[in-house]
Amino acid sequence: MKKLATKLIIAAVVLSVTTIRGGQAQEAISKMRSSWDAVQCYTVRMHINQVKDSRTKDYTVDFSYNSSGWIKTHIIDGDNKGSVVVYDPVNHRIRVRWAGVALPVNLSPDSKMTQGLRGEKIYEGSFGAMLKDADWYLSHGSLSWIGEEPFEGADCAVIEFVTTLPDENRGIARERWWLDKSTSLPRKIEGYESDGKEVERVIYRNLKLNPDLPEDHFKL
């Protein structure tokens, strides 16, 4: 009886800890949603590393977003350095001014010329799109609390998503987010394949929330 009671106590403790950690992870996502609801526009510098098969891509972009859905990326380092890409949500098209080319061109949002190495589209790079990813994981996987740790001087809540359907998720089976506790928005994300290989990393720096952007900021 004593052994049974001990096992029941241990099971209860494990369940309690798991529940608490699950609640912490959900709370972190809830705080991110609340912060996002207050964002009308933002700018951030994104340092991106991607791996697919034998290919690797490293690049840095200045990313801008406003709540009407307009997105602008200016590639400041890496392939196509100097190019500027704008997503127009009204006409659902992409406008690109390639580096060294004076006149911009219009492309389909599905054009592979403007996608990431793993097929990411420009309008899938915002924090709002990340919350949609979180909803997908919650429907097709799990969310867990990793803990708290600093990243580049910021205290972060660290959460992790796991899915058994990586083929429906650009090959990503596990994703870990570092959410800045002062803003509840991402400072870093990492993505892994089923074998544990890291294939994606994005670091967010110089985040500015609701800045005064010029009226022609999203025009090319």
N, C-alpha and C. Protein backbone atom coordinates (compact mmCIF):
# COMPACT_ATOMS: atom_id res chain seq x y z
N MET A 1 0.83 -1.21 0.00
CA MET A 1 0.00 0.00 0.00
C MET A 1 0.86 1.27 0.00
N LYS A 2 1.98 1.20 0.79
CA LYS A 2 2.86 2.36 0.85
C LYS A 2 3.47 2.65 -0.52
N LYS A 3 3.87 1.55 -1.24
CA LYS A 3 4.46 1.73 -2.57
C LYS A 3 3.44 2.33 -3.53
N LEU A 4 2.19 1.86 -3.43
CA LEU A 4 1.13 2.38 -4.29
C LEU A 4 0.88 3.85 -4.00
N ALA A 5 0.84 4.19 -2.70
CA ALA A 5 0.62 5.58 -2.31
C ALA A 5 1.74 6.47 -2.82
N THR A 6 2.98 5.96 -2.72
CA THR A 6 4.14 6.73 -3.20
C THR A 6 4.05 6.97 -4.69
N LYS A 7 3.67 5.92 -5.44
CA LYS A 7 3.53 6.05 -6.89
C LYS A 7 2.45 7.05 -7.26
N LEU A 8 1.35 7.02 -6.50
CA LEU A 8 0.26 7.96 -6.77
C LEU A 8 0.68 9.39 -6.48
N ILE A 9 1.46 9.58 -5.42
CA ILE A 9 1.95 10.92 -5.09
C ILE A 9 2.88 11.43 -6.18
N ILE A 10 3.80 10.55 -6.63
CA ILE A 10 4.73 10.94 -7.69
C ILE A 10 3.98 11.30 -8.97
N ALA A 11 2.98 10.48 -9.30
CA ALA A 11 2.18 10.74 -10.50
C ALA A 11 1.45 12.07 -10.39
N ALA A 12 0.93 12.35 -9.19
CA ALA A 12 0.22 13.61 -8.98
C ALA A 12 1.15 14.80 -9.12
N VAL A 13 2.37 14.66 -8.59
CA VAL A 13 3.36 15.74 -8.68
C VAL A 13 3.74 15.99 -10.13
N VAL A 14 4.01 14.90 -10.87
CA VAL A 14 4.37 15.02 -12.29
C VAL A 14 3.25 15.69 -13.07
N LEU A 15 2.01 15.26 -12.80
CA LEU A 15 0.86 15.85 -13.49
C LEU A 15 0.73 17.33 -13.16
N SER A 16 0.95 17.66 -11.88
CA SER A 16 0.84 19.05 -11.45
C SER A 16 1.89 19.92 -12.13
N VAL A 17 3.14 19.43 -12.17
CA VAL A 17 4.23 20.18 -12.81
C VAL A 17 3.95 20.35 -14.29
N THR A 18 3.50 19.27 -14.94
CA THR A 18 3.19 19.33 -16.37
C THR A 18 2.09 20.33 -16.65
N THR A 19 1.06 20.32 -15.79
CA THR A 19 -0.05 21.25 -15.96
C THR A 19 0.40 22.70 -15.80
N ILE A 20 1.24 22.94 -14.78
CA ILE A 20 1.75 24.29 -14.54
C ILE A 20 2.56 24.77 -15.73
N ARG A 21 3.46 23.89 -16.22
CA ARG A 21 4.30 24.28 -17.35
C ARG A 21 3.47 24.53 -18.60
N GLY A 22 2.45 23.68 -18.80
CA GLY A 22 1.56 23.88 -19.95
C GLY A 22 0.84 25.21 -19.84
N GLY A 23 0.44 25.55 -18.61
CA GLY A 23 -0.23 26.82 -18.39
C GLY A 23 0.70 28.00 -18.64
N GLN A 24 1.97 27.86 -18.27
CA GLN A 24 2.94 28.93 -18.52
C GLN A 24 3.13 29.16 -20.01
N ALA A 25 3.19 28.07 -20.77
CA ALA A 25 3.36 28.19 -22.22
C ALA A 25 2.15 28.87 -22.85
N GLN A 26 0.96 28.46 -22.43
CA GLN A 26 -0.27 29.08 -22.94
C GLN A 26 -0.33 30.56 -22.57
N GLU A 27 0.12 30.86 -21.36
CA GLU A 27 0.12 32.26 -20.91
C GLU A 27 1.06 33.10 -21.77
N ALA A 28 2.22 32.52 -22.13
CA ALA A 28 3.18 33.24 -22.98
C ALA A 28 2.57 33.55 -24.34
N ILE A 29 1.84 32.59 -24.91
CA ILE A 29 1.17 32.82 -26.19
C ILE A 29 0.06 33.85 -26.04
N SER A 30 -0.69 33.77 -24.94
CA SER A 30 -1.76 34.75 -24.71
C SER A 30 -1.20 36.17 -24.61
N LYS A 31 -0.07 36.32 -23.94
CA LYS A 31 0.56 37.63 -23.82
C LYS A 31 1.03 38.13 -25.18
N MET A 32 1.54 37.21 -26.00
CA MET A 32 1.96 37.60 -27.34
C MET A 32 0.77 38.09 -28.16
N ARG A 33 -0.37 37.40 -28.02
CA ARG A 33 -1.58 37.83 -28.74
C ARG A 33 -2.01 39.23 -28.29
N SER A 34 -1.98 39.45 -26.99
CA SER A 34 -2.39 40.76 -26.46
C SER A 34 -1.46 41.87 -26.96
N SER A 35 -0.17 41.59 -26.96
CA SER A 35 0.79 42.58 -27.46
C SER A 35 0.56 42.85 -28.94
N TRP A 36 0.31 41.78 -29.69
CA TRP A 36 0.10 41.92 -31.12
C TRP A 36 -1.15 42.75 -31.42
N ASP A 37 -2.17 42.61 -30.61
CA ASP A 37 -3.41 43.36 -30.82
C ASP A 37 -3.18 44.87 -30.74
N ALA A 38 -2.14 45.28 -30.03
CA ALA A 38 -1.86 46.71 -29.86
C ALA A 38 -0.92 47.26 -30.93
N VAL A 39 -0.48 46.40 -31.84
CA VAL A 39 0.49 46.81 -32.86
C VAL A 39 -0.23 47.29 -34.12
N GLN A 40 0.04 48.51 -34.51
CA GLN A 40 -0.47 49.05 -35.78
C GLN A 40 0.57 48.90 -36.89
N CYS A 41 1.81 49.00 -36.51
CA CYS A 41 2.90 48.79 -37.47
C CYS A 41 4.17 48.51 -36.67
N TYR A 42 5.16 47.95 -37.33
CA TYR A 42 6.44 47.74 -36.67
C TYR A 42 7.54 47.56 -37.71
N THR A 43 8.76 47.78 -37.27
CA THR A 43 9.94 47.49 -38.08
C THR A 43 10.89 46.66 -37.22
N VAL A 44 11.64 45.79 -37.88
CA VAL A 44 12.58 44.94 -37.16
C VAL A 44 13.63 44.44 -38.14
N ARG A 45 14.81 44.20 -37.64
CA ARG A 45 15.86 43.60 -38.47
C ARG A 45 15.90 42.10 -38.18
N MET A 46 15.81 41.31 -39.24
CA MET A 46 15.75 39.86 -39.11
C MET A 46 17.02 39.24 -39.70
N HIS A 47 17.72 38.47 -38.88
CA HIS A 47 18.90 37.73 -39.32
C HIS A 47 18.47 36.27 -39.48
N ILE A 48 18.54 35.78 -40.70
CA ILE A 48 17.91 34.50 -41.04
C ILE A 48 18.95 33.50 -41.53
N ASN A 49 18.88 32.29 -40.98
CA ASN A 49 19.69 31.17 -41.46
C ASN A 49 18.75 30.01 -41.77
N GLN A 50 18.87 29.45 -42.97
CA GLN A 50 18.02 28.34 -43.38
C GLN A 50 18.86 27.24 -44.00
N VAL A 51 18.44 26.01 -43.78
CA VAL A 51 19.11 24.85 -44.36
C VAL A 51 18.06 23.95 -44.98
N LYS A 52 18.34 23.48 -46.17
CA LYS A 52 17.48 22.49 -46.82
C LYS A 52 18.35 21.56 -47.65
N ASP A 53 18.35 20.29 -47.27
CA ASP A 53 19.23 19.30 -47.90
C ASP A 53 20.67 19.79 -47.79
N SER A 54 21.35 19.99 -48.92
CA SER A 54 22.75 20.42 -48.89
C SER A 54 22.90 21.92 -49.04
N ARG A 55 21.78 22.63 -49.11
CA ARG A 55 21.83 24.08 -49.33
C ARG A 55 21.68 24.85 -48.01
N THR A 56 22.40 25.95 -47.94
CA THR A 56 22.32 26.85 -46.78
C THR A 56 22.16 28.27 -47.28
N LYS A 57 21.32 29.03 -46.59
CA LYS A 57 21.08 30.42 -46.99
C LYS A 57 21.14 31.30 -45.75
N ASP A 58 21.98 32.31 -45.80
CA ASP A 58 22.08 33.30 -44.72
C ASP A 58 21.81 34.67 -45.30
N TYR A 59 20.90 35.40 -44.69
CA TYR A 59 20.63 36.75 -45.17
C TYR A 59 20.01 37.59 -44.05
N THR A 60 20.07 38.90 -44.23
CA THR A 60 19.54 39.84 -43.25
C THR A 60 18.60 40.81 -43.96
N VAL A 61 17.44 41.04 -43.36
CA VAL A 61 16.47 41.95 -43.97
C VAL A 61 15.96 42.95 -42.93
N ASP A 62 15.67 44.14 -43.41
CA ASP A 62 14.89 45.10 -42.63
C ASP A 62 13.43 44.89 -43.01
N PHE A 63 12.64 44.50 -42.03
CA PHE A 63 11.25 44.07 -42.25
C PHE A 63 10.31 45.13 -41.70
N SER A 64 9.31 45.52 -42.49
CA SER A 64 8.30 46.48 -42.05
C SER A 64 6.91 45.91 -42.27
N TYR A 65 6.01 46.24 -41.35
CA TYR A 65 4.63 45.72 -41.43
C TYR A 65 3.66 46.80 -40.96
N ASN A 66 2.48 46.87 -41.59
CA ASN A 66 1.40 47.64 -40.97
C ASN A 66 0.13 46.80 -40.94
N SER A 67 -0.81 47.20 -40.11
CA SER A 67 -1.96 46.36 -39.79
C SER A 67 -2.91 46.16 -40.95
N SER A 68 -2.77 46.94 -42.01
CA SER A 68 -3.60 46.70 -43.20
C SER A 68 -3.05 45.58 -44.06
N GLY A 69 -1.89 45.05 -43.65
CA GLY A 69 -1.33 43.89 -44.34
C GLY A 69 -0.15 44.17 -45.24
N TRP A 70 0.21 45.44 -45.39
CA TRP A 70 1.37 45.78 -46.22
C TRP A 70 2.65 45.32 -45.54
N ILE A 71 3.56 44.76 -46.33
CA ILE A 71 4.83 44.27 -45.82
C ILE A 71 5.95 44.71 -46.76
N LYS A 72 7.06 45.10 -46.17
CA LYS A 72 8.22 45.49 -46.97
C LYS A 72 9.47 44.83 -46.40
N THR A 73 10.27 44.25 -47.28
CA THR A 73 11.55 43.70 -46.85
C THR A 73 12.66 44.30 -47.70
N HIS A 74 13.68 44.78 -47.04
CA HIS A 74 14.86 45.33 -47.71
C HIS A 74 16.03 44.43 -47.35
N ILE A 75 16.57 43.74 -48.33
CA ILE A 75 17.67 42.81 -48.08
C ILE A 75 18.96 43.61 -47.94
N ILE A 76 19.54 43.58 -46.75
CA ILE A 76 20.74 44.38 -46.50
C ILE A 76 22.01 43.53 -46.46
N ASP A 77 21.84 42.20 -46.48
CA ASP A 77 23.01 41.32 -46.53
C ASP A 77 22.58 39.96 -47.05
N GLY A 78 23.47 39.32 -47.82
CA GLY A 78 23.16 38.00 -48.37
C GLY A 78 22.80 38.08 -49.84
N ASP A 79 22.24 36.97 -50.36
CA ASP A 79 21.83 36.94 -51.77
C ASP A 79 20.86 38.07 -52.08
N ASN A 80 21.02 38.67 -53.25
CA ASN A 80 20.16 39.78 -53.69
C ASN A 80 20.24 40.99 -52.77
N LYS A 81 21.40 41.18 -52.17
CA LYS A 81 21.61 42.34 -51.30
C LYS A 81 21.24 43.63 -52.03
N GLY A 82 20.47 44.47 -51.37
CA GLY A 82 20.04 45.73 -51.96
C GLY A 82 18.66 45.68 -52.58
N SER A 83 18.12 44.48 -52.76
CA SER A 83 16.78 44.34 -53.34
C SER A 83 15.72 44.71 -52.31
N VAL A 84 14.59 45.21 -52.81
CA VAL A 84 13.47 45.58 -51.94
C VAL A 84 12.21 44.88 -52.46
N VAL A 85 11.47 44.27 -51.54
CA VAL A 85 10.26 43.54 -51.90
C VAL A 85 9.10 44.08 -51.08
N VAL A 86 7.98 44.36 -51.74
CA VAL A 86 6.79 44.87 -51.05
C VAL A 86 5.61 43.96 -51.38
N TYR A 87 4.88 43.56 -50.33
CA TYR A 87 3.64 42.81 -50.54
C TYR A 87 2.46 43.76 -50.47
N ASP A 88 1.66 43.74 -51.53
CA ASP A 88 0.47 44.58 -51.65
C ASP A 88 -0.76 43.72 -51.36
N PRO A 89 -1.38 43.87 -50.18
CA PRO A 89 -2.53 43.03 -49.83
C PRO A 89 -3.80 43.40 -50.58
N VAL A 90 -3.85 44.61 -51.11
CA VAL A 90 -5.05 45.05 -51.84
C VAL A 90 -5.17 44.29 -53.15
N ASN A 91 -4.06 44.22 -53.88
CA ASN A 91 -4.05 43.53 -55.16
C ASN A 91 -3.45 42.13 -55.07
N HIS A 92 -3.07 41.73 -53.86
CA HIS A 92 -2.47 40.42 -53.60
C HIS A 92 -1.35 40.14 -54.61
N ARG A 93 -0.36 41.01 -54.58
CA ARG A 93 0.77 40.85 -55.48
C ARG A 93 2.04 41.31 -54.76
N ILE A 94 3.15 40.95 -55.34
CA ILE A 94 4.44 41.36 -54.82
C ILE A 94 5.10 42.30 -55.83
N ARG A 95 5.66 43.36 -55.33
CA ARG A 95 6.38 44.30 -56.18
C ARG A 95 7.84 44.26 -55.76
N VAL A 96 8.73 44.06 -56.72
CA VAL A 96 10.15 43.86 -56.42
C VAL A 96 11.01 44.85 -57.20
N ARG A 97 11.96 45.44 -56.50
CA ARG A 97 13.00 46.21 -57.18
C ARG A 97 14.32 45.51 -56.88
N TRP A 98 14.80 44.79 -57.89
CA TRP A 98 16.04 44.03 -57.71
C TRP A 98 17.22 44.99 -57.59
N ALA A 99 18.23 44.58 -56.87
CA ALA A 99 19.44 45.39 -56.72
C ALA A 99 20.05 45.68 -58.09
N GLY A 100 20.35 46.95 -58.34
CA GLY A 100 20.97 47.33 -59.59
C GLY A 100 20.00 47.54 -60.74
N VAL A 101 18.70 47.32 -60.48
CA VAL A 101 17.68 47.50 -61.52
C VAL A 101 16.79 48.66 -61.11
N ALA A 102 16.62 49.62 -62.01
CA ALA A 102 15.89 50.84 -61.65
C ALA A 102 14.40 50.62 -61.52
N LEU A 103 13.81 49.85 -62.44
CA LEU A 103 12.36 49.72 -62.46
C LEU A 103 11.90 48.48 -61.69
N PRO A 104 10.88 48.63 -60.84
CA PRO A 104 10.33 47.47 -60.13
C PRO A 104 9.47 46.61 -61.05
N VAL A 105 9.26 45.37 -60.66
CA VAL A 105 8.41 44.45 -61.41
C VAL A 105 7.37 43.86 -60.47
N ASN A 106 6.25 43.42 -61.05
CA ASN A 106 5.19 42.78 -60.28
C ASN A 106 5.30 41.27 -60.41
N LEU A 107 5.11 40.58 -59.30
CA LEU A 107 5.17 39.12 -59.29
C LEU A 107 4.00 38.56 -58.49
N SER A 108 3.68 37.30 -58.74
CA SER A 108 2.69 36.60 -57.93
C SER A 108 3.26 36.36 -56.54
N PRO A 109 2.43 36.39 -55.50
CA PRO A 109 2.90 36.08 -54.15
C PRO A 109 3.47 34.66 -54.05
N ASP A 110 3.10 33.81 -55.00
CA ASP A 110 3.58 32.43 -54.99
C ASP A 110 4.87 32.25 -55.77
N SER A 111 5.41 33.34 -56.31
CA SER A 111 6.64 33.24 -57.08
C SER A 111 7.79 32.73 -56.23
N LYS A 112 8.46 31.70 -56.70
CA LYS A 112 9.58 31.13 -55.96
C LYS A 112 10.76 32.10 -55.89
N MET A 113 10.75 33.11 -56.75
CA MET A 113 11.84 34.08 -56.76
C MET A 113 11.89 34.90 -55.48
N THR A 114 10.78 34.97 -54.77
CA THR A 114 10.72 35.78 -53.55
C THR A 114 10.48 34.94 -52.30
N GLN A 115 10.57 33.63 -52.42
CA GLN A 115 10.34 32.75 -51.28
C GLN A 115 11.65 32.39 -50.60
N GLY A 116 11.53 32.00 -49.33
CA GLY A 116 12.68 31.51 -48.60
C GLY A 116 13.08 30.13 -49.07
N LEU A 117 14.17 29.63 -48.52
CA LEU A 117 14.71 28.35 -48.94
C LEU A 117 13.73 27.20 -48.71
N ARG A 118 12.89 27.34 -47.69
CA ARG A 118 11.94 26.28 -47.37
C ARG A 118 10.52 26.64 -47.81
N GLY A 119 10.42 27.61 -48.72
CA GLY A 119 9.13 27.94 -49.33
C GLY A 119 8.33 29.01 -48.63
N GLU A 120 8.93 29.74 -47.68
CA GLU A 120 8.20 30.78 -46.96
C GLU A 120 7.89 31.96 -47.88
N LYS A 121 6.68 32.44 -47.79
CA LYS A 121 6.28 33.61 -48.57
C LYS A 121 6.47 34.87 -47.73
N ILE A 122 6.58 36.01 -48.39
CA ILE A 122 6.89 37.26 -47.70
C ILE A 122 5.85 37.59 -46.63
N TYR A 123 4.57 37.31 -46.91
CA TYR A 123 3.52 37.68 -45.96
C TYR A 123 3.39 36.66 -44.82
N GLU A 124 4.24 35.64 -44.82
CA GLU A 124 4.24 34.67 -43.73
C GLU A 124 5.32 34.99 -42.70
N GLY A 125 5.94 36.16 -42.82
CA GLY A 125 7.04 36.49 -41.93
C GLY A 125 6.68 37.40 -40.77
N SER A 126 5.43 37.83 -40.68
CA SER A 126 5.05 38.77 -39.62
C SER A 126 4.76 38.04 -38.31
N PHE A 127 4.71 38.80 -37.22
CA PHE A 127 4.36 38.22 -35.92
C PHE A 127 2.92 37.68 -35.94
N GLY A 128 2.05 38.36 -36.68
CA GLY A 128 0.68 37.87 -36.80
C GLY A 128 0.62 36.51 -37.47
N ALA A 129 1.45 36.32 -38.51
CA ALA A 129 1.52 35.02 -39.17
C ALA A 129 2.07 33.96 -38.23
N MET A 130 2.99 34.36 -37.35
CA MET A 130 3.52 33.41 -36.38
C MET A 130 2.43 32.93 -35.43
N LEU A 131 1.52 33.80 -35.06
CA LEU A 131 0.41 33.39 -34.19
C LEU A 131 -0.51 32.40 -34.90
N LYS A 132 -0.66 32.56 -36.21
CA LYS A 132 -1.41 31.56 -36.98
C LYS A 132 -0.68 30.23 -36.99
N ASP A 133 0.66 30.29 -37.06
CA ASP A 133 1.45 29.07 -36.95
C ASP A 133 1.24 28.40 -35.60
N ALA A 134 1.18 29.22 -34.55
CA ALA A 134 0.94 28.69 -33.21
C ALA A 134 -0.39 27.96 -33.15
N ASP A 135 -1.42 28.54 -33.76
CA ASP A 135 -2.74 27.90 -33.79
C ASP A 135 -2.67 26.57 -34.53
N TRP A 136 -1.89 26.54 -35.61
CA TRP A 136 -1.73 25.29 -36.37
C TRP A 136 -1.09 24.22 -35.49
N TYR A 137 -0.03 24.60 -34.78
CA TYR A 137 0.64 23.64 -33.89
C TYR A 137 -0.32 23.14 -32.81
N LEU A 138 -1.12 24.02 -32.27
CA LEU A 138 -2.04 23.61 -31.21
C LEU A 138 -3.09 22.63 -31.72
N SER A 139 -3.39 22.70 -33.02
CA SER A 139 -4.36 21.78 -33.62
C SER A 139 -3.70 20.50 -34.14
N HIS A 140 -2.40 20.57 -34.39
CA HIS A 140 -1.71 19.44 -35.02
C HIS A 140 -0.47 19.00 -34.24
N GLY A 141 -0.43 19.34 -32.96
CA GLY A 141 0.75 18.97 -32.20
C GLY A 141 0.62 19.39 -30.75
N SER A 142 1.70 19.87 -30.19
CA SER A 142 1.69 20.21 -28.76
C SER A 142 2.52 21.47 -28.51
N LEU A 143 2.25 22.09 -27.37
CA LEU A 143 2.97 23.27 -26.91
C LEU A 143 3.49 22.99 -25.51
N SER A 144 4.74 23.31 -25.26
CA SER A 144 5.30 23.08 -23.93
C SER A 144 6.17 24.25 -23.48
N TRP A 145 6.32 24.34 -22.18
CA TRP A 145 7.13 25.38 -21.55
C TRP A 145 8.54 24.87 -21.36
N ILE A 146 9.53 25.61 -21.86
CA ILE A 146 10.92 25.22 -21.70
C ILE A 146 11.54 25.90 -20.48
N GLY A 147 11.20 27.17 -20.30
CA GLY A 147 11.73 27.89 -19.15
C GLY A 147 11.96 29.35 -19.47
N GLU A 148 12.78 30.00 -18.66
CA GLU A 148 13.15 31.39 -18.89
C GLU A 148 14.66 31.46 -19.04
N GLU A 149 15.11 32.25 -20.00
CA GLU A 149 16.54 32.44 -20.17
C GLU A 149 16.80 33.75 -20.90
N PRO A 150 17.95 34.34 -20.68
CA PRO A 150 18.26 35.60 -21.36
C PRO A 150 18.73 35.34 -22.79
N PHE A 151 18.44 36.29 -23.65
CA PHE A 151 18.98 36.26 -25.00
C PHE A 151 19.34 37.68 -25.40
N GLU A 152 20.62 37.89 -25.65
CA GLU A 152 21.13 39.21 -26.02
C GLU A 152 20.65 40.29 -25.05
N GLY A 153 20.72 39.96 -23.76
CA GLY A 153 20.39 40.93 -22.73
C GLY A 153 18.93 41.04 -22.37
N ALA A 154 18.07 40.30 -23.08
CA ALA A 154 16.63 40.36 -22.80
C ALA A 154 16.18 39.09 -22.09
N ASP A 155 15.39 39.23 -21.03
CA ASP A 155 14.80 38.08 -20.37
C ASP A 155 13.70 37.52 -21.26
N CYS A 156 13.77 36.24 -21.54
CA CYS A 156 12.82 35.63 -22.48
C CYS A 156 12.09 34.44 -21.87
N ALA A 157 10.82 34.31 -22.25
CA ALA A 157 10.06 33.10 -21.99
C ALA A 157 10.28 32.18 -23.18
N VAL A 158 10.68 30.94 -22.91
CA VAL A 158 11.02 30.01 -24.00
C VAL A 158 9.96 28.92 -24.07
N ILE A 159 9.34 28.79 -25.23
CA ILE A 159 8.30 27.78 -25.44
C ILE A 159 8.66 26.94 -26.65
N GLU A 160 8.03 25.77 -26.73
CA GLU A 160 8.35 24.86 -27.84
C GLU A 160 7.10 24.20 -28.39
N PHE A 161 7.02 24.15 -29.71
CA PHE A 161 5.95 23.46 -30.42
C PHE A 161 6.51 22.20 -31.05
N VAL A 162 5.70 21.14 -31.07
CA VAL A 162 6.09 19.88 -31.71
C VAL A 162 4.91 19.37 -32.52
N THR A 163 5.19 18.87 -33.72
CA THR A 163 4.14 18.26 -34.54
C THR A 163 4.65 16.94 -35.11
N THR A 164 3.74 16.03 -35.36
CA THR A 164 4.07 14.76 -36.02
C THR A 164 3.78 14.85 -37.51
N LEU A 165 3.47 16.07 -37.98
CA LEU A 165 3.13 16.27 -39.40
C LEU A 165 4.08 17.29 -40.04
N PRO A 166 5.39 17.02 -40.00
CA PRO A 166 6.33 18.00 -40.55
C PRO A 166 6.16 18.23 -42.05
N ASP A 167 5.67 17.23 -42.77
CA ASP A 167 5.48 17.40 -44.21
C ASP A 167 4.45 18.48 -44.53
N GLU A 168 3.58 18.78 -43.57
CA GLU A 168 2.60 19.84 -43.76
C GLU A 168 3.09 21.17 -43.19
N ASN A 169 4.35 21.17 -42.75
CA ASN A 169 4.89 22.34 -42.05
C ASN A 169 6.30 22.68 -42.54
N ARG A 170 6.49 22.62 -43.85
CA ARG A 170 7.77 22.94 -44.47
C ARG A 170 8.91 22.07 -43.96
N GLY A 171 8.57 20.86 -43.50
CA GLY A 171 9.59 19.95 -43.01
C GLY A 171 9.99 20.18 -41.57
N ILE A 172 9.35 21.14 -40.90
CA ILE A 172 9.69 21.47 -39.51
C ILE A 172 8.86 20.60 -38.56
N ALA A 173 9.55 19.85 -37.69
CA ALA A 173 8.87 18.99 -36.73
C ALA A 173 8.83 19.61 -35.33
N ARG A 174 9.75 20.53 -35.08
CA ARG A 174 9.82 21.14 -33.75
C ARG A 174 10.29 22.58 -33.90
N GLU A 175 9.67 23.47 -33.14
CA GLU A 175 10.01 24.88 -33.23
C GLU A 175 10.08 25.48 -31.83
N ARG A 176 11.12 26.23 -31.58
CA ARG A 176 11.31 26.84 -30.26
C ARG A 176 11.34 28.36 -30.41
N TRP A 177 10.58 29.03 -29.55
CA TRP A 177 10.48 30.50 -29.59
C TRP A 177 11.01 31.11 -28.31
N TRP A 178 11.79 32.17 -28.46
CA TRP A 178 12.22 33.00 -27.33
C TRP A 178 11.41 34.28 -27.38
N LEU A 179 10.52 34.48 -26.43
CA LEU A 179 9.65 35.65 -26.40
C LEU A 179 10.15 36.64 -25.35
N ASP A 180 10.48 37.83 -25.80
CA ASP A 180 10.97 38.88 -24.91
C ASP A 180 9.90 39.20 -23.87
N LYS A 181 10.24 39.09 -22.60
CA LYS A 181 9.24 39.29 -21.55
C LYS A 181 8.78 40.74 -21.44
N SER A 182 9.55 41.67 -21.99
CA SER A 182 9.14 43.07 -21.93
C SER A 182 8.13 43.43 -23.01
N THR A 183 8.12 42.68 -24.11
CA THR A 183 7.18 42.95 -25.21
C THR A 183 6.27 41.77 -25.52
N SER A 184 6.66 40.58 -25.06
CA SER A 184 5.97 39.31 -25.36
C SER A 184 6.07 38.94 -26.84
N LEU A 185 6.98 39.58 -27.55
CA LEU A 185 7.19 39.30 -28.97
C LEU A 185 8.53 38.60 -29.18
N PRO A 186 8.70 37.92 -30.30
CA PRO A 186 9.89 37.08 -30.49
C PRO A 186 11.21 37.84 -30.54
N ARG A 187 12.22 37.22 -29.94
CA ARG A 187 13.60 37.65 -30.10
C ARG A 187 14.38 36.64 -30.94
N LYS A 188 13.94 35.39 -30.88
CA LYS A 188 14.61 34.35 -31.67
C LYS A 188 13.66 33.18 -31.86
N ILE A 189 13.75 32.52 -33.02
CA ILE A 189 13.06 31.25 -33.23
C ILE A 189 14.04 30.26 -33.86
N GLU A 190 13.85 29.00 -33.54
CA GLU A 190 14.64 27.93 -34.15
C GLU A 190 13.71 26.82 -34.60
N GLY A 191 14.00 26.24 -35.76
CA GLY A 191 13.20 25.14 -36.28
C GLY A 191 14.06 23.91 -36.52
N TYR A 192 13.48 22.73 -36.26
CA TYR A 192 14.22 21.48 -36.35
C TYR A 192 13.44 20.45 -37.16
N GLU A 193 14.18 19.61 -37.87
CA GLU A 193 13.56 18.48 -38.55
C GLU A 193 13.35 17.34 -37.56
N SER A 194 12.71 16.27 -38.02
CA SER A 194 12.37 15.16 -37.13
C SER A 194 13.59 14.51 -36.50
N ASP A 195 14.73 14.54 -37.19
CA ASP A 195 15.95 13.93 -36.66
C ASP A 195 16.71 14.85 -35.71
N GLY A 196 16.15 16.01 -35.42
CA GLY A 196 16.77 16.94 -34.49
C GLY A 196 17.71 17.95 -35.12
N LYS A 197 17.88 17.88 -36.43
CA LYS A 197 18.77 18.82 -37.12
C LYS A 197 18.15 20.21 -37.17
N GLU A 198 18.92 21.20 -36.74
CA GLU A 198 18.43 22.58 -36.83
C GLU A 198 18.50 23.04 -38.28
N VAL A 199 17.37 23.50 -38.80
CA VAL A 199 17.31 23.89 -40.21
C VAL A 199 16.82 25.33 -40.39
N GLU A 200 16.52 25.98 -39.30
CA GLU A 200 16.02 27.35 -39.42
C GLU A 200 16.30 28.12 -38.15
N ARG A 201 16.78 29.36 -38.32
CA ARG A 201 16.97 30.24 -37.17
C ARG A 201 16.71 31.68 -37.62
N VAL A 202 15.92 32.38 -36.83
CA VAL A 202 15.67 33.79 -37.10
C VAL A 202 15.92 34.57 -35.81
N ILE A 203 16.75 35.59 -35.89
CA ILE A 203 17.02 36.47 -34.76
C ILE A 203 16.45 37.85 -35.08
N TYR A 204 15.71 38.40 -34.13
CA TYR A 204 15.04 39.69 -34.32
C TYR A 204 15.76 40.75 -33.49
N ARG A 205 16.16 41.84 -34.17
CA ARG A 205 16.86 42.91 -33.47
C ARG A 205 16.26 44.27 -33.87
N ASN A 206 16.48 45.25 -33.01
CA ASN A 206 16.08 46.64 -33.28
C ASN A 206 14.57 46.76 -33.55
N LEU A 207 13.78 46.05 -32.78
CA LEU A 207 12.33 46.12 -32.95
C LEU A 207 11.80 47.49 -32.54
N LYS A 208 10.99 48.08 -33.41
CA LYS A 208 10.33 49.35 -33.11
C LYS A 208 8.84 49.17 -33.33
N LEU A 209 8.07 49.38 -32.28
CA LEU A 209 6.62 49.20 -32.34
C LEU A 209 5.92 50.52 -32.59
N ASN A 210 4.99 50.49 -33.53
CA ASN A 210 4.18 51.65 -33.88
C ASN A 210 5.00 52.91 -34.17
N PRO A 211 6.03 52.79 -35.01
CA PRO A 211 6.81 53.98 -35.37
C PRO A 211 6.04 54.83 -36.38
N ASP A 212 6.45 56.06 -36.54
CA ASP A 212 5.86 56.94 -37.56
C ASP A 212 6.54 56.66 -38.90
N LEU A 213 5.88 55.88 -39.73
CA LEU A 213 6.44 55.55 -41.04
C LEU A 213 6.00 56.58 -42.07
N PRO A 214 6.86 56.92 -43.02
CA PRO A 214 6.46 57.85 -44.09
C PRO A 214 5.27 57.31 -44.87
N GLU A 215 4.47 58.20 -45.43
CA GLU A 215 3.29 57.78 -46.18
C GLU A 215 3.63 56.88 -47.36
N ASP A 216 4.82 57.10 -47.93
CA ASP A 216 5.21 56.32 -49.10
C ASP A 216 6.12 55.14 -48.75
N HIS A 217 6.13 54.76 -47.48
CA HIS A 217 7.05 53.72 -47.02
C HIS A 217 6.89 52.41 -47.79
N PHE A 218 5.67 52.06 -48.13
CA PHE A 218 5.42 50.78 -48.79
C PHE A 218 5.27 50.91 -50.31
N LYS A 219 5.70 52.03 -50.84
CA LYS A 219 5.62 52.23 -52.29
C LYS A 219 6.99 52.00 -52.93
N LEU A 220 6.96 51.43 -54.15
CA LEU A 220 8.18 51.26 -54.93
C LEU A 220 8.01 51.99 -56.26
